[in-house]
Protein backbone atom coordinates (compact mmCIF):
# COMPACT_ATOMS: atom_id res chain seq x y z
CA MET A 1 7.94 11.31 -7.88
CA ALA A 2 4.89 9.07 -7.94
CA THR A 3 1.63 10.32 -9.40
CA ALA A 4 -1.63 10.23 -7.44
CA ASN A 5 -2.69 7.20 -9.49
CA GLN A 6 0.53 5.38 -8.62
CA MET A 7 0.10 6.19 -4.92
CA GLU A 8 -3.41 4.74 -5.10
CA ARG A 9 -1.96 1.57 -6.64
CA LEU A 10 0.52 1.28 -3.76
CA VAL A 11 -2.24 1.65 -1.20
CA GLY A 12 -4.41 -0.87 -3.04
CA LYS A 13 -1.59 -3.39 -3.14
CA ALA A 14 -0.90 -2.80 0.55
CA LEU A 15 -4.55 -3.43 1.41
CA PHE A 16 -4.57 -6.86 -0.24
CA ASP A 17 -0.99 -8.03 0.29
CA SER A 18 0.13 -8.11 3.92
CA GLU A 19 3.76 -8.89 3.04
CA PHE A 20 3.89 -5.89 0.73
CA ARG A 21 2.18 -3.76 3.38
CA TYR A 22 4.96 -4.52 5.89
CA GLN A 23 7.64 -3.90 3.27
CA LEU A 24 6.05 -0.61 2.29
CA ILE A 25 6.05 0.65 5.87
CA ALA A 26 9.59 -0.57 6.57
CA ASP A 27 11.18 0.63 3.33
CA PRO A 28 8.78 2.61 1.14
CA GLY A 29 11.28 3.36 -1.61
CA THR A 30 12.31 -0.24 -2.17
CA ALA A 31 8.76 -1.58 -1.91
CA ALA A 32 7.47 1.03 -4.37
CA ARG A 33 10.30 0.32 -6.82
CA SER A 34 9.36 -3.39 -6.72
CA ALA A 35 6.00 -2.25 -8.13
CA GLY A 36 7.67 -0.02 -10.74
CA ILE A 37 6.88 3.18 -8.83
CA PHE A 38 9.42 5.74 -7.69
CA LEU A 39 8.68 7.85 -4.61
CA SER A 40 10.10 11.24 -3.81
CA GLU A 41 11.74 11.55 -0.40
CA GLU A 42 8.69 13.47 0.81
CA GLN A 43 6.34 10.73 -0.37
CA ALA A 44 8.50 8.04 1.26
CA ALA A 45 8.51 10.00 4.53
CA ARG A 46 4.72 10.26 4.44
CA VAL A 47 4.41 6.51 3.93
CA ARG A 48 6.82 5.83 6.80
CA GLY A 49 4.60 8.04 8.96
CA LEU A 50 1.50 5.92 8.42
CA ASN A 51 -0.02 4.35 11.49
CA VAL A 52 0.51 0.61 11.05
CA GLU A 53 -2.40 -0.39 13.29
CA GLU A 54 -4.81 1.86 11.41
CA LEU A 55 -3.58 0.52 8.08
CA GLU A 56 -4.06 -3.06 9.33
CA ALA A 57 -7.60 -2.26 10.49
CA LEU A 58 -8.42 -0.64 7.15
CA ALA A 59 -7.01 -3.61 5.23
CA GLU A 60 -9.10 -6.05 7.29
CA LYS A 61 -12.25 -3.97 6.83
CA PHE A 62 -11.68 -3.69 3.09
CA ARG A 63 -11.00 -7.43 2.71
CA LYS A 64 -14.23 -8.23 4.54
CA MET A 65 -16.13 -5.76 2.39
CA VAL A 66 -14.98 -7.08 -1.00
CA GLY A 67 -14.40 -10.71 -0.06
CA PRO A 68 -11.46 -12.85 -1.13
CA LYS A 69 -12.95 -13.83 -4.51
CA ASN A 70 -13.44 -10.20 -5.55
CA ALA A 71 -10.14 -8.82 -4.24
CA ILE A 72 -8.28 -9.32 -7.51
CA ARG A 73 -10.90 -7.29 -9.41
CA TYR A 74 -10.19 -4.29 -7.19
CA TRP A 75 -6.45 -4.63 -7.63
């Protein structure tokens, strides 16, 4: 089961990495394991239930807010 801090890392990575974002939605367990994080079945189900369009909009808004040069500092 992933900790709150680990879940925040997954979300952060998903905000900056579109390929990871799609992998996370499609197969949360595998995507999380690629980052060294292990999700419970409940956590994986919650990730699968995320609204992809809303996540995309949030990622775009966040990228505009921090800018491409500062993105790595946030991650």
